[in-house]
């Protein structure tokens, strides 16, 4: 299964929190690949951004290509993430992809969840996310 990890960070959040969150996304991608998934290269976008430049270009054509190539699009709704960015949202609607959101267990589920998000799950660690993706049973947690 090919997965695209969408990311939109709150620009008002502390830079160090955003940097730490991006590192978590890289760890998630690595863990999913160890579990047998193909992660559609979010990491290449992160590597290509200059160290002092954030956010990445949200109008990037690559985001649409990544979404189109993926079987599933996921996003973490943990602070400082806002979930899906504008470019990913437009591509998701255009290509009608299955979308799932994940939030750390016990954290507040965002009030605004785009209509295209099929499922919201709580998780304790990245193994929980991997288990949901492998189960394909996709039971709704909070939506």
Foldseek 3Di string as FASTA:
>chain_A
DEEEEAWDFDPVDDPVQVVVVVVVVVVLCVVLVVVPYHYQPPVVQVVPDPPPDDDGPLQDPVLLVSLLPGQEYEYEVEPRTPTHDPSNVVSCVVNVHAYEYEYAPPDDDDPDDDPSHPAYYHDPDSVVVSCCVVVVPRDHDDD
